[in-house]
Amino acid sequence: MQSLVENPIRKLEELLLFHLFKVYEARKNTVRSGFDRYSDLLIDKFAIHTGTLFHLIHGLIEATGSKEGERIMAIDVFTINSLIRVLMETYVTFHHLFVHSKNQEEKEFKILLWKLEGYFEKKKFRVHETDFEEASNILKRDEKEVALISLQIESHPFRMQIDDQEFARIFSVKDKKSNWRFLHKNRKVRLLKIIDLVEYTCPIRAYFNLYRYASMHTHSSFVSIEQFEKMRAQILSESYINNFPRMAAVLTIFLIVDLAIIDENAKKIFDTFSERDKIDFNGIQYAFRIKPATEATDSFAAWR
């Protein structure tokens, strides 16, 4: 894919406005209900983040030395890095829940855990019943929702595919534990941290390192501030800047291929793309995901 190498910003725009838009619109023609609505929301979130990234890369800050007849635009590298991390997390969440799941039961089970994890995170807010008018009702509704989801998880058919001891590692109301990021095989599970999920879903070192790099900027670690000091007022190379839209473009291609895999209407639109586009998309899917996942150095080879 020559354009991805030579002009990744332009390619990212094309992928968002044409290819992803087309397959996503086709998917909307498929009857979806229940938990599947969350997949659409994650796709929307991904597209919004990517669109914002596209605009940030063009430069939204007027730099020192800019003149009326010659505006010099600076790039907010640190916000871009934070956004890249969020973009990656959004994509791997979508893929793990809605594409990686082997069947409907596994998908429902993991989504229930994902949903419950959200309520457990919500309970960490310091909110009292007297803080505002609806506070008491909201807290009570959340408690009922936690109890309902917990019961659904404990009685779900997929629960029987995991040993009791292994299930206890995933789920515990007492400990407010609900882990949807896991691999399973022979009734055993392998729990995944978010960085593990990134590595499993995008099994090339570039994404692993990019997530680590973006996280340093998100958390304002020493390395981030040290780099800021070195980069400040310096002209960034085109190759450095192009890495951001290039990696976002590959993630977008992953999402396009995913939609074609899980949805027949999206697949029909995917099949209408030019032969060149289909070769490029399938080639990137193979080179960046399928091939590295089969190599002996893959950390998850035994669980694939």
C-alpha atoms as a PDB file:
ATOM      1  CA  MET A   1       0.000   0.000   0.000  1.00  0.00           C
ATOM      2  CA  GLN A   2       2.149   2.794  -1.367  1.00  0.00           C
ATOM      3  CA  SER A   3      -0.125   5.638  -0.231  1.00  0.00           C
ATOM      4  CA  LEU A   4       0.095   4.428   3.368  1.00  0.00           C
ATOM      5  CA  VAL A   5       3.859   4.854   3.151  1.00  0.00           C
ATOM      6  CA  GLU A   6       4.021   8.070   1.145  1.00  0.00           C
ATOM      7  CA  ASN A   7       0.995   9.989   2.440  1.00  0.00           C
ATOM      8  CA  PRO A   8      -0.464   8.301   5.542  1.00  0.00           C
ATOM      9  CA  ILE A   9      -2.495  11.368   6.570  1.00  0.00           C
ATOM     10  CA  ARG A  10      -4.310  11.371   3.255  1.00  0.00           C
ATOM     11  CA  LYS A  11      -4.764   7.585   3.421  1.00  0.00           C
ATOM     12  CA  LEU A  12      -6.238   7.795   6.918  1.00  0.00           C
ATOM     13  CA  GLU A  13      -8.780  10.344   5.693  1.00  0.00           C
ATOM     14  CA  GLU A  14      -9.732   8.084   2.767  1.00  0.00           C
ATOM     15  CA  LEU A  15     -10.155   5.058   5.033  1.00  0.00           C
ATOM     16  CA  LEU A  16     -12.387   6.971   7.437  1.00  0.00           C
ATOM     17  CA  LEU A  17     -14.568   8.799   4.931  1.00  0.00           C
ATOM     18  CA  PHE A  18     -14.933   6.026   2.365  1.00  0.00           C
ATOM     19  CA  HIS A  19     -14.029   2.461   3.345  1.00  0.00           C
ATOM     20  CA  LEU A  20     -14.964   2.446   7.050  1.00  0.00           C
ATOM     21  CA  PHE A  21     -18.026   4.590   6.388  1.00  0.00           C
ATOM     22  CA  LYS A  22     -19.235   2.203   3.662  1.00  0.00           C
ATOM     23  CA  VAL A  23     -18.885  -1.040   5.631  1.00  0.00           C
ATOM     24  CA  TYR A  24     -20.271   0.519   8.810  1.00  0.00           C
ATOM     25  CA  GLU A  25     -23.329   1.890   6.997  1.00  0.00           C
ATOM     26  CA  ALA A  26     -23.905  -1.570   5.519  1.00  0.00           C
ATOM     27  CA  ARG A  27     -23.675  -3.148   8.974  1.00  0.00           C
ATOM     28  CA  LYS A  28     -26.476  -0.863  10.147  1.00  0.00           C
ATOM     29  CA  ASN A  29     -28.780  -2.673   7.703  1.00  0.00           C
ATOM     30  CA  THR A  30     -28.276  -5.859   9.721  1.00  0.00           C
ATOM     31  CA  VAL A  31     -30.867  -6.397  12.453  1.00  0.00           C
ATOM     32  CA  ARG A  32     -29.050  -6.070  15.762  1.00  0.00           C
ATOM     33  CA  SER A  33     -30.403  -6.106  19.284  1.00  0.00           C
ATOM     34  CA  GLY A  34     -29.326  -6.492  22.877  1.00  0.00           C
ATOM     35  CA  PHE A  35     -25.609  -6.371  23.519  1.00  0.00           C
ATOM     36  CA  ASP A  36     -24.737  -5.782  19.863  1.00  0.00           C
ATOM     37  CA  ARG A  37     -25.650  -2.118  20.231  1.00  0.00           C
ATOM     38  CA  TYR A  38     -22.460  -1.670  22.248  1.00  0.00           C
ATOM     39  CA  SER A  39     -20.411  -2.698  19.215  1.00  0.00           C
ATOM     40  CA  ASP A  40     -21.831   0.257  17.279  1.00  0.00           C
ATOM     41  CA  LEU A  41     -20.980   2.630  20.116  1.00  0.00           C
ATOM     42  CA  LEU A  42     -17.388   1.370  20.206  1.00  0.00           C
ATOM     43  CA  ILE A  43     -17.114   1.821  16.425  1.00  0.00           C
ATOM     44  CA  ASP A  44     -18.474   5.364  16.756  1.00  0.00           C
ATOM     45  CA  LYS A  45     -15.992   6.067  19.537  1.00  0.00           C
ATOM     46  CA  PHE A  46     -13.121   4.741  17.420  1.00  0.00           C
ATOM     47  CA  ALA A  47     -14.158   6.846  14.411  1.00  0.00           C
ATOM     48  CA  ILE A  48     -14.494  10.011  16.517  1.00  0.00           C
ATOM     49  CA  HIS A  49     -11.063   9.525  18.111  1.00  0.00           C
ATOM     50  CA  THR A  50      -9.483   8.853  14.722  1.00  0.00           C
ATOM     51  CA  GLY A  51     -11.114  11.924  13.213  1.00  0.00           C
ATOM     52  CA  THR A  52      -9.802  14.079  16.061  1.00  0.00           C
ATOM     53  CA  LEU A  53      -6.345  12.566  15.608  1.00  0.00           C
ATOM     54  CA  PHE A  54      -6.479  13.427  11.905  1.00  0.00           C
ATOM     55  CA  HIS A  55      -7.187  17.091  12.689  1.00  0.00           C
ATOM     56  CA  LEU A  56      -4.562  17.292  15.448  1.00  0.00           C
ATOM     57  CA  ILE A  57      -1.883  15.987  13.114  1.00  0.00           C
ATOM     58  CA  HIS A  58      -2.539  18.918  10.778  1.00  0.00           C
ATOM     59  CA  GLY A  59      -1.520  21.260  13.612  1.00  0.00           C
ATOM     60  CA  LEU A  60      -3.944  23.322  15.655  1.00  0.00           C
ATOM     61  CA  ILE A  61      -1.506  25.555  17.562  1.00  0.00           C
ATOM     62  CA  GLU A  62       0.149  28.589  16.005  1.00  0.00           C
ATOM     63  CA  ALA A  63       3.854  28.374  16.722  1.00  0.00           C
ATOM     64  CA  THR A  64       6.289  31.086  17.760  1.00  0.00           C
ATOM     65  CA  GLY A  65       7.655  32.854  14.704  1.00  0.00           C
ATOM     66  CA  SER A  66       4.385  32.629  12.854  1.00  0.00           C
ATOM     67  CA  LYS A  67       3.653  35.709  10.737  1.00  0.00           C
ATOM     68  CA  GLU A  68       0.515  37.149   9.213  1.00  0.00           C
ATOM     69  CA  GLY A  69       1.493  36.006   5.750  1.00  0.00           C
ATOM     70  CA  GLU A  70       3.158  32.780   6.857  1.00  0.00           C
ATOM     71  CA  ARG A  71       1.438  30.849   9.609  1.00  0.00           C
ATOM     72  CA  ILE A  72       3.526  28.155  11.262  1.00  0.00           C
ATOM     73  CA  MET A  73       1.411  25.477  12.898  1.00  0.00           C
ATOM     74  CA  ALA A  74       2.714  23.397  15.788  1.00  0.00           C
ATOM     75  CA  ILE A  75       1.570  19.871  16.567  1.00  0.00           C
ATOM     76  CA  ASP A  76       0.390  18.847  20.028  1.00  0.00           C
ATOM     77  CA  VAL A  77       2.414  15.642  20.175  1.00  0.00           C
ATOM     78  CA  PHE A  78       1.495  14.852  23.762  1.00  0.00           C
ATOM     79  CA  THR A  79      -2.266  14.973  23.223  1.00  0.00           C
ATOM     80  CA  ILE A  80      -1.789  12.942  20.047  1.00  0.00           C
ATOM     81  CA  ASN A  81       0.059  10.276  22.056  1.00  0.00           C
ATOM     82  CA  SER A  82      -2.699  10.159  24.671  1.00  0.00           C
ATOM     83  CA  LEU A  83      -5.298   9.893  21.919  1.00  0.00           C
ATOM     84  CA  ILE A  84      -3.380   7.074  20.233  1.00  0.00           C
ATOM     85  CA  ARG A  85      -3.519   5.114  23.479  1.00  0.00           C
ATOM     86  CA  VAL A  86      -7.296   5.632  23.780  1.00  0.00           C
ATOM     87  CA  LEU A  87      -7.702   4.678  20.120  1.00  0.00           C
ATOM     88  CA  MET A  88      -5.843   1.417  20.656  1.00  0.00           C
ATOM     89  CA  GLU A  89      -7.832   0.581  23.789  1.00  0.00           C
ATOM     90  CA  THR A  90     -11.118   1.242  21.986  1.00  0.00           C
ATOM     91  CA  TYR A  91     -10.174  -0.999  19.078  1.00  0.00           C
ATOM     92  CA  VAL A  92      -8.870  -3.954  21.123  1.00  0.00           C
ATOM     93  CA  THR A  93     -11.989  -3.795  23.323  1.00  0.00           C
ATOM     94  CA  PHE A  94     -14.226  -3.993  20.254  1.00  0.00           C
ATOM     95  CA  HIS A  95     -12.204  -6.822  18.737  1.00  0.00           C
ATOM     96  CA  HIS A  96     -11.936  -8.901  21.912  1.00  0.00           C
ATOM     97  CA  LEU A  97     -15.648  -8.704  22.671  1.00  0.00           C
ATOM     98  CA  PHE A  98     -17.257  -8.821  19.242  1.00  0.00           C
ATOM     99  CA  VAL A  99     -14.758 -10.473  16.892  1.00  0.00           C
ATOM    100  CA  HIS A 100     -12.485 -12.706  18.933  1.00  0.00           C
ATOM    101  CA  SER A 101     -15.332 -14.404  20.822  1.00  0.00           C
ATOM    102  CA  LYS A 102     -15.833 -17.819  19.236  1.00  0.00           C
ATOM    103  CA  ASN A 103     -19.615 -17.940  19.655  1.00  0.00           C
ATOM    104  CA  GLN A 104     -22.618 -16.001  20.923  1.00  0.00           C
ATOM    105  CA  GLU A 105     -22.379 -17.482  24.433  1.00  0.00           C
ATOM    106  CA  GLU A 106     -18.778 -16.394  24.896  1.00  0.00           C
ATOM    107  CA  LYS A 107     -19.578 -12.935  23.560  1.00  0.00           C
ATOM    108  CA  GLU A 108     -22.528 -12.474  25.928  1.00  0.00           C
ATOM    109  CA  PHE A 109     -20.511 -13.763  28.891  1.00  0.00           C
ATOM    110  CA  LYS A 110     -17.619 -11.384  28.280  1.00  0.00           C
ATOM    111  CA  ILE A 111     -19.920  -8.432  27.659  1.00  0.00           C
ATOM    112  CA  LEU A 112     -21.655  -9.093  30.978  1.00  0.00           C
ATOM    113  CA  LEU A 113     -18.265  -9.074  32.708  1.00  0.00           C
ATOM    114  CA  TRP A 114     -17.305  -5.906  30.813  1.00  0.00           C
ATOM    115  CA  LYS A 115     -20.546  -4.234  31.834  1.00  0.00           C
ATOM    116  CA  LEU A 116     -20.173  -5.262  35.472  1.00  0.00           C
ATOM    117  CA  GLU A 117     -16.571  -4.006  35.523  1.00  0.00           C
ATOM    118  CA  GLY A 118     -17.974  -0.625  34.488  1.00  0.00           C
ATOM    119  CA  TYR A 119     -20.401  -0.573  37.413  1.00  0.00           C
ATOM    120  CA  PHE A 120     -17.631  -1.564  39.821  1.00  0.00           C
ATOM    121  CA  GLU A 121     -15.541   1.341  38.492  1.00  0.00           C
ATOM    122  CA  LYS A 122     -18.544   3.647  38.880  1.00  0.00           C
ATOM    123  CA  LYS A 123     -18.868   2.637  42.548  1.00  0.00           C
ATOM    124  CA  LYS A 124     -15.403   4.084  43.173  1.00  0.00           C
ATOM    125  CA  PHE A 125     -16.786   7.616  42.828  1.00  0.00           C
ATOM    126  CA  ARG A 126     -17.263   9.348  46.165  1.00  0.00           C
ATOM    127  CA  VAL A 127     -20.955  10.108  45.863  1.00  0.00           C
ATOM    128  CA  HIS A 128     -23.346  10.416  48.817  1.00  0.00           C
ATOM    129  CA  GLU A 129     -27.117  10.026  48.704  1.00  0.00           C
ATOM    130  CA  THR A 130     -27.577  13.664  49.716  1.00  0.00           C
ATOM    131  CA  ASP A 131     -25.205  15.140  47.086  1.00  0.00           C
ATOM    132  CA  PHE A 132     -27.978  15.931  44.590  1.00  0.00           C
ATOM    133  CA  GLU A 133     -31.662  15.200  44.057  1.00  0.00           C
ATOM    134  CA  GLU A 134     -31.382  11.935  42.121  1.00  0.00           C
ATOM    135  CA  ALA A 135     -28.257  10.624  43.873  1.00  0.00           C
ATOM    136  CA  SER A 136     -30.088   8.187  46.143  1.00  0.00           C
ATOM    137  CA  ASN A 137     -32.158   6.684  43.307  1.00  0.00           C
ATOM    138  CA  ILE A 138     -29.114   6.343  41.027  1.00  0.00           C
ATOM    139  CA  LEU A 139     -27.096   4.566  43.727  1.00  0.00           C
ATOM    140  CA  LYS A 140     -29.971   2.163  44.430  1.00  0.00           C
ATOM    141  CA  ARG A 141     -30.495   1.443  40.715  1.00  0.00           C
ATOM    142  CA  ASP A 142     -26.795   0.724  40.312  1.00  0.00           C
ATOM    143  CA  GLU A 143     -26.880  -1.718  43.234  1.00  0.00           C
ATOM    144  CA  LYS A 144     -29.810  -3.552  41.647  1.00  0.00           C
ATOM    145  CA  GLU A 145     -28.010  -3.625  38.288  1.00  0.00           C
ATOM    146  CA  VAL A 146     -24.870  -5.067  39.892  1.00  0.00           C
ATOM    147  CA  ALA A 147     -26.938  -7.795  41.587  1.00  0.00           C
ATOM    148  CA  LEU A 148     -28.760  -8.612  38.332  1.00  0.00           C
ATOM    149  CA  ILE A 149     -25.635  -8.777  36.166  1.00  0.00           C
ATOM    150  CA  SER A 150     -23.823 -10.843  38.811  1.00  0.00           C
ATOM    151  CA  LEU A 151     -26.656 -13.377  38.803  1.00  0.00           C
ATOM    152  CA  GLN A 152     -26.591 -13.501  34.983  1.00  0.00           C
ATOM    153  CA  ILE A 153     -22.840 -14.160  35.018  1.00  0.00           C
ATOM    154  CA  GLU A 154     -23.052 -16.907  37.635  1.00  0.00           C
ATOM    155  CA  SER A 155     -25.858 -18.705  35.783  1.00  0.00           C
ATOM    156  CA  HIS A 156     -24.631 -18.111  32.233  1.00  0.00           C
ATOM    157  CA  PRO A 157     -24.126 -21.268  30.079  1.00  0.00           C
ATOM    158  CA  PHE A 158     -20.573 -20.233  29.195  1.00  0.00           C
ATOM    159  CA  ARG A 159     -19.716 -20.320  32.901  1.00  0.00           C
ATOM    160  CA  MET A 160     -19.653 -24.132  32.665  1.00  0.00           C
ATOM    161  CA  GLN A 161     -16.692 -24.000  30.265  1.00  0.00           C
ATOM    162  CA  ILE A 162     -14.416 -22.678  33.020  1.00  0.00           C
ATOM    163  CA  ASP A 163     -13.230 -24.494  36.159  1.00  0.00           C
ATOM    164  CA  ASP A 164     -14.485 -23.132  39.490  1.00  0.00           C
ATOM    165  CA  GLN A 165     -11.024 -22.021  40.605  1.00  0.00           C
ATOM    166  CA  GLU A 166     -10.429 -20.346  37.263  1.00  0.00           C
ATOM    167  CA  PHE A 167     -13.818 -18.635  37.417  1.00  0.00           C
ATOM    168  CA  ALA A 168     -12.921 -17.213  40.821  1.00  0.00           C
ATOM    169  CA  ARG A 169      -9.951 -15.485  39.185  1.00  0.00           C
ATOM    170  CA  ILE A 170     -12.312 -13.743  36.781  1.00  0.00           C
ATOM    171  CA  PHE A 171     -15.306 -12.902  38.919  1.00  0.00           C
ATOM    172  CA  SER A 172     -16.038 -12.003  42.550  1.00  0.00           C
ATOM    173  CA  VAL A 173     -18.772  -9.691  43.785  1.00  0.00           C
ATOM    174  CA  LYS A 174     -17.129  -9.501  47.202  1.00  0.00           C
ATOM    175  CA  ASP A 175     -13.829  -8.339  45.738  1.00  0.00           C
ATOM    176  CA  LYS A 176     -15.565  -6.219  43.066  1.00  0.00           C
ATOM    177  CA  LYS A 177     -13.699  -8.219  40.436  1.00  0.00           C
ATOM    178  CA  SER A 178     -15.021  -8.695  36.919  1.00  0.00           C
ATOM    179  CA  ASN A 179     -12.357  -9.415  34.301  1.00  0.00           C
ATOM    180  CA  TRP A 180     -13.545  -9.740  30.702  1.00  0.00           C
ATOM    181  CA  ARG A 181     -10.002  -9.708  29.285  1.00  0.00           C
ATOM    182  CA  PHE A 182      -9.056 -13.364  29.248  1.00  0.00           C
ATOM    183  CA  LEU A 183      -8.233 -16.273  26.981  1.00  0.00           C
ATOM    184  CA  HIS A 184      -9.602 -19.732  27.715  1.00  0.00           C
ATOM    185  CA  LYS A 185      -8.583 -23.239  26.750  1.00  0.00           C
ATOM    186  CA  ASN A 186      -9.339 -26.641  28.270  1.00  0.00           C
ATOM    187  CA  ARG A 187     -11.402 -24.977  31.039  1.00  0.00           C
ATOM    188  CA  LYS A 188      -8.398 -22.859  32.027  1.00  0.00           C
ATOM    189  CA  VAL A 189      -8.023 -19.099  31.602  1.00  0.00           C
ATOM    190  CA  ARG A 190      -5.202 -16.683  31.001  1.00  0.00           C
ATOM    191  CA  LEU A 191      -5.983 -13.242  32.388  1.00  0.00           C
ATOM    192  CA  LEU A 192      -4.866 -10.271  30.342  1.00  0.00           C
ATOM    193  CA  LYS A 193      -3.873  -6.795  31.399  1.00  0.00           C
ATOM    194  CA  ILE A 194      -4.708  -4.097  28.882  1.00  0.00           C
ATOM    195  CA  ILE A 195      -1.135  -4.143  27.496  1.00  0.00           C
ATOM    196  CA  ASP A 196      -1.466  -7.927  27.093  1.00  0.00           C
ATOM    197  CA  LEU A 197      -4.702  -7.439  25.181  1.00  0.00           C
ATOM    198  CA  VAL A 198      -2.971  -4.947  22.896  1.00  0.00           C
ATOM    199  CA  GLU A 199      -0.138  -7.401  22.281  1.00  0.00           C
ATOM    200  CA  TYR A 200      -2.528 -10.294  21.668  1.00  0.00           C
ATOM    201  CA  THR A 201      -4.810  -8.356  19.322  1.00  0.00           C
ATOM    202  CA  CYS A 202      -2.056  -6.485  17.455  1.00  0.00           C
ATOM    203  CA  PRO A 203       0.853  -8.955  17.673  1.00  0.00           C
ATOM    204  CA  ILE A 204       3.697  -6.834  16.356  1.00  0.00           C
ATOM    205  CA  ARG A 205       6.229  -5.032  18.521  1.00  0.00           C
ATOM    206  CA  ALA A 206       5.346  -1.684  16.966  1.00  0.00           C
ATOM    207  CA  TYR A 207       1.942  -1.585  18.663  1.00  0.00           C
ATOM    208  CA  PHE A 208       3.258  -2.915  21.959  1.00  0.00           C
ATOM    209  CA  ASN A 209       5.945  -0.219  21.985  1.00  0.00           C
ATOM    210  CA  LEU A 210       3.559   2.477  20.774  1.00  0.00           C
ATOM    211  CA  TYR A 211       1.160   1.707  23.625  1.00  0.00           C
ATOM    212  CA  ARG A 212       4.007   1.886  26.150  1.00  0.00           C
ATOM    213  CA  TYR A 213       5.268   5.108  24.571  1.00  0.00           C
ATOM    214  CA  ALA A 214       1.798   6.697  24.532  1.00  0.00           C
ATOM    215  CA  SER A 215       1.221   5.660  28.144  1.00  0.00           C
ATOM    216  CA  MET A 216       4.364   7.497  29.270  1.00  0.00           C
ATOM    217  CA  HIS A 217       2.949  10.718  27.834  1.00  0.00           C
ATOM    218  CA  THR A 218      -0.527  10.061  29.227  1.00  0.00           C
ATOM    219  CA  HIS A 219       0.873   9.678  32.750  1.00  0.00           C
ATOM    220  CA  SER A 220       3.470  12.475  32.423  1.00  0.00           C
ATOM    221  CA  SER A 221       6.305  10.177  33.425  1.00  0.00           C
ATOM    222  CA  PHE A 222       9.873  11.433  33.659  1.00  0.00           C
ATOM    223  CA  VAL A 223      10.709  10.049  30.205  1.00  0.00           C
ATOM    224  CA  SER A 224       7.830  12.051  28.747  1.00  0.00           C
ATOM    225  CA  ILE A 225       8.983  15.309  30.349  1.00  0.00           C
ATOM    226  CA  GLU A 226      12.590  14.611  29.408  1.00  0.00           C
ATOM    227  CA  GLN A 227      11.551  14.126  25.784  1.00  0.00           C
ATOM    228  CA  PHE A 228       9.463  17.299  25.941  1.00  0.00           C
ATOM    229  CA  GLU A 229      12.553  19.227  26.971  1.00  0.00           C
ATOM    230  CA  LYS A 230      14.519  17.855  24.004  1.00  0.00           C
ATOM    231  CA  MET A 231      11.727  18.306  21.458  1.00  0.00           C
ATOM    232  CA  ARG A 232      10.637  21.783  22.518  1.00  0.00           C
ATOM    233  CA  ALA A 233      11.001  24.351  19.730  1.00  0.00           C
ATOM    234  CA  GLN A 234      12.520  21.702  17.465  1.00  0.00           C
ATOM    235  CA  ILE A 235      11.250  20.871  13.988  1.00  0.00           C
ATOM    236  CA  LEU A 236       9.897  17.329  13.990  1.00  0.00           C
ATOM    237  CA  SER A 237      10.807  15.119  11.071  1.00  0.00           C
ATOM    238  CA  GLU A 238       8.112  14.076   8.634  1.00  0.00           C
ATOM    239  CA  SER A 239       8.902  10.407   9.322  1.00  0.00           C
ATOM    240  CA  TYR A 240       8.236  10.921  13.050  1.00  0.00           C
ATOM    241  CA  ILE A 241       4.915  12.691  12.464  1.00  0.00           C
ATOM    242  CA  ASN A 242       3.779  10.169   9.827  1.00  0.00           C
ATOM    243  CA  ASN A 243       4.054   7.310  12.310  1.00  0.00           C
ATOM    244  CA  PHE A 244       0.871   8.470  14.052  1.00  0.00           C
ATOM    245  CA  PRO A 245      -1.529   8.460  11.072  1.00  0.00           C
ATOM    246  CA  ARG A 246       0.147   5.326   9.689  1.00  0.00           C
ATOM    247  CA  MET A 247      -0.495   3.308  12.850  1.00  0.00           C
ATOM    248  CA  ALA A 248      -4.032   4.722  13.121  1.00  0.00           C
ATOM    249  CA  ALA A 249      -4.644   3.773   9.486  1.00  0.00           C
ATOM    250  CA  VAL A 250      -3.603   0.160  10.113  1.00  0.00           C
ATOM    251  CA  LEU A 251      -5.966  -0.021  13.101  1.00  0.00           C
ATOM    252  CA  THR A 252      -8.731   1.353  10.858  1.00  0.00           C
ATOM    253  CA  ILE A 253      -7.995  -1.347   8.294  1.00  0.00           C
ATOM    254  CA  PHE A 254      -8.189  -3.964  11.062  1.00  0.00           C
ATOM    255  CA  LEU A 255     -11.632  -2.604  11.973  1.00  0.00           C
ATOM    256  CA  ILE A 256     -12.800  -2.637   8.345  1.00  0.00           C
ATOM    257  CA  VAL A 257     -11.719  -6.280   7.947  1.00  0.00           C
ATOM    258  CA  ASP A 258     -13.323  -7.170  11.297  1.00  0.00           C
ATOM    259  CA  LEU A 259     -16.673  -5.782  10.174  1.00  0.00           C
ATOM    260  CA  ALA A 260     -16.461  -7.768   6.951  1.00  0.00           C
ATOM    261  CA  ILE A 261     -15.793 -10.909   9.018  1.00  0.00           C
ATOM    262  CA  ILE A 262     -18.669 -10.569  11.493  1.00  0.00           C
ATOM    263  CA  ASP A 263     -21.354  -9.017   9.283  1.00  0.00           C
ATOM    264  CA  GLU A 264     -22.688 -10.297   5.947  1.00  0.00           C
ATOM    265  CA  ASN A 265     -23.894  -6.884   4.755  1.00  0.00           C
ATOM    266  CA  ALA A 266     -20.520  -5.327   5.542  1.00  0.00           C
ATOM    267  CA  LYS A 267     -18.834  -8.212   3.699  1.00  0.00           C
ATOM    268  CA  LYS A 268     -20.912  -7.513   0.582  1.00  0.00           C
ATOM    269  CA  ILE A 269     -19.691  -3.905   0.542  1.00  0.00           C
ATOM    270  CA  PHE A 270     -16.120  -4.994   1.267  1.00  0.00           C
ATOM    271  CA  ASP A 271     -16.299  -7.256  -1.792  1.00  0.00           C
ATOM    272  CA  THR A 272     -17.223  -4.262  -3.984  1.00  0.00           C
ATOM    273  CA  PHE A 273     -13.971  -2.441  -3.133  1.00  0.00           C
ATOM    274  CA  SER A 274     -11.326  -2.327  -5.838  1.00  0.00           C
ATOM    275  CA  GLU A 275      -9.106  -5.383  -6.203  1.00  0.00           C
ATOM    276  CA  ARG A 276      -6.142  -3.224  -5.208  1.00  0.00           C
ATOM    277  CA  ASP A 277      -7.844  -2.172  -1.947  1.00  0.00           C
ATOM    278  CA  LYS A 278      -8.870  -5.716  -1.074  1.00  0.00           C
ATOM    279  CA  ILE A 279      -5.360  -7.014  -1.708  1.00  0.00           C
ATOM    280  CA  ASP A 280      -3.933  -4.234   0.450  1.00  0.00           C
ATOM    281  CA  PHE A 281      -6.391  -4.734   3.317  1.00  0.00           C
ATOM    282  CA  ASN A 282      -6.021  -8.517   3.390  1.00  0.00           C
ATOM    283  CA  GLY A 283      -2.254  -8.174   3.006  1.00  0.00           C
ATOM    284  CA  ILE A 284      -1.994  -5.848   5.998  1.00  0.00           C
ATOM    285  CA  GLN A 285      -4.250  -8.156   8.013  1.00  0.00           C
ATOM    286  CA  TYR A 286      -1.909 -11.041   7.195  1.00  0.00           C
ATOM    287  CA  ALA A 287       1.399  -9.197   7.666  1.00  0.00           C
ATOM    288  CA  PHE A 288       0.480  -7.305  10.844  1.00  0.00           C
ATOM    289  CA  ARG A 289      -1.749  -9.842  12.559  1.00  0.00           C
ATOM    290  CA  ILE A 290      -1.974 -13.387  11.174  1.00  0.00           C
ATOM    291  CA  LYS A 291       1.689 -14.014  10.376  1.00  0.00           C
ATOM    292  CA  PRO A 292       3.242 -12.618  13.596  1.00  0.00           C
ATOM    293  CA  ALA A 293       0.623 -14.497  15.645  1.00  0.00           C
ATOM    294  CA  THR A 294       1.886 -17.801  14.253  1.00  0.00           C
ATOM    295  CA  GLU A 295       5.556 -17.161  14.941  1.00  0.00           C
ATOM    296  CA  ALA A 296       7.349 -19.057  17.700  1.00  0.00           C
ATOM    297  CA  THR A 297       8.186 -15.799  19.473  1.00  0.00           C
ATOM    298  CA  ASP A 298       4.505 -14.993  20.004  1.00  0.00           C
ATOM    299  CA  SER A 299       3.793 -14.722  23.727  1.00  0.00           C
ATOM    300  CA  PHE A 300       0.321 -16.238  23.347  1.00  0.00           C
ATOM    301  CA  ALA A 301       1.034 -19.028  20.842  1.00  0.00           C
ATOM    302  CA  ALA A 302      -0.174 -21.744  23.219  1.00  0.00           C
ATOM    303  CA  TRP A 303      -3.491 -19.943  23.740  1.00  0.00           C
ATOM    304  CA  ARG A 304      -4.385 -19.112  20.156  1.00  0.00           C
END
